[in-house]
Amino acid sequence: MTSNNPVPAPDQNEVDQFLNREEFRRQSNKVLHGHPSPLHWKPLTSPPSLLLEERAAYSRNTRFDVNLYVGTPFCIKTKPARCGFCLFPSEDYEGNRGVEAYLSYLEKEFELYRPYYSEDKLASIYFGGGTPNLYRPEHYGRIMQMVDDLYGGVPVDIEITLEGIPQLFSEPKIKAMREAGFNRVSIGVQQFNDKLIGYSGRHQKLQQVHNSLELCHKYDLANSVDLIYGWPEQTMQDMLGDLKRAVDAGVHHITHYELNIAGRSNFSAPAQRKLLPDISENIEMYLAANEFLRGAGFEQVTVYDWRRLPTDAESARLSSYDYEHNMHDFVQQDDGQVNEIRQVCGIGFAAVNFHVNSLDPGDRSWIYMNQTSLKNYCDKLDRGEFPVERGFIYQHQDVKLAWLFQSMQTMQIDTAAYRQVFDENILDTFAPVWEALEARNWIRRSGDVLQFINAGQYYIPMFQSLVASKRLAEIRGKNKDGKSLKGIPITTID
């Protein structure tokens, strides 16, 4: 494989200027950060069916293992809106009638994908949102049947996750989920502290969190909790107390990330910012959390993710998070030949499809998102159209950056693997970046592996932006003046 489309990299002066400018600026939560940001995506100018037919042609040479995402639009109203921190699209829950109507539209979209996805191999399934545990018990079998009908069956040994909030889990729902085939629950706890969770406008109570976890254990569901640090008035003791409660409750997996201070989030408002810990305090919390969780028998697997150290095959199953971790190395090789590429196939409101189809510099890959307005989503399906809103066609350098972003999430980069996949020495390409990070004691080299260390782990989202900065400048230039970029023509994105 020949790399004829290298990633443009910043020089030493640009690296230093970037780090000096960004080190003490707040950034948005990038737990699911990828390249490029949806801010750079544009409406498709040709039907998605043409892209899907092209994908089918690629699949004749490479097997696609699929992480299926099924989106849900609805959330309970809060004040501030969207819990004050969430940047994901959502619609206010208005009752079961809206849910029933949405499920009928979801079935229509599943049917549209039948000619294109039915031959794929499912690797994991994630039902996200929104708040999927707003569904009633009878709905869980129905949504799993949609998946079964599309793929001609669901493998019995894959991870099937549904996320939700503590106060909406009940025994009838948990029992129905288990009977429908779900085997993992992700609980958006965010805070165990009843006072601090009040800043989000939520009305959940500590006891509801414990009740949800007890039900997961009763029905043998792997469980994960999301916890946020950096809240107004939150102390180090508050944060460590949350982590201890999660550990003591037998949680299998913990996602621990910083409060969103960006965009439309309520905490971006000047009045709220005054109540927040500063960045240096958040770094101290991040490092203290890492030390605590390691001492509590957990293993860090990404910047944000921790799993309870497994002692046998069953505990390994319970603490895994395949939906995300399958993507951290989405290119699988055998004797130097690519034999498998992992993709995300998204169906439902605001769902994303991530289709790296080939590693040949002359081939195309892409990412696109469904409508983020429920009305527009339904209107498209009423016309028999795929409900796609916008997307981005990858050049070869964008595939490299997508791979690099995923690898960085794991706090290390295997430079030998990158060289084998892309025929490019990443140590040379980004030499000024690695030198600057080493000088700040944020990264160290161990053989072929670059390891992010100390506060360098906290800053990984900033480093992702740094390595992509020159390419993003090119993309912004294309969006601004309409000129085509060198390389693969962008023929389906306006």
Foldseek 3Di string as FASTA:
>chain_A
DAFPDAFAADDLVLLVVLCVVPVFDDDFDCLPPFPPPPVLWFAWQDAVVVVLVVLVVLCVQAAEAEEEEEEDAEDDAFVVGPLLFDPAFHDYDDDVVVVVVQLVLLLLLLVLCLVRPQQHHYQEYEYYYHAVLVDDLVCLLVVLVSVCVSNVHHDLPHAYEYEHELVSDDLSNLVSNVVSRHAAYEYADQAQDCVQSVSRRDRDHNVSNLVNLVSCVVSNHQYEYEYEDFTFPDDLVRLVVRVVVCLVSVHFKYFYYYGGCDDPRNCVDPVNVVRTDGPVRVLVSLVVVVVSQVVSQWDQQFLGMIGRDDPDPSSCVSNDDCSLVCQLQQFDDDPLHTHYGYWYDYGYAFTKTWFPSDLPQQDKTKMWTFHSDPVLCSVCSVVVGHRTGTMDIDGNNSVLLRNVLSNVRRQKDQQVVSCSSNVDRVCVSHVSNVVVCVVVVQWDDDPRMIGGDRCVSVCSVSVSCNRCVVVVVVSVVCVPPVDADPGHGPDTGD
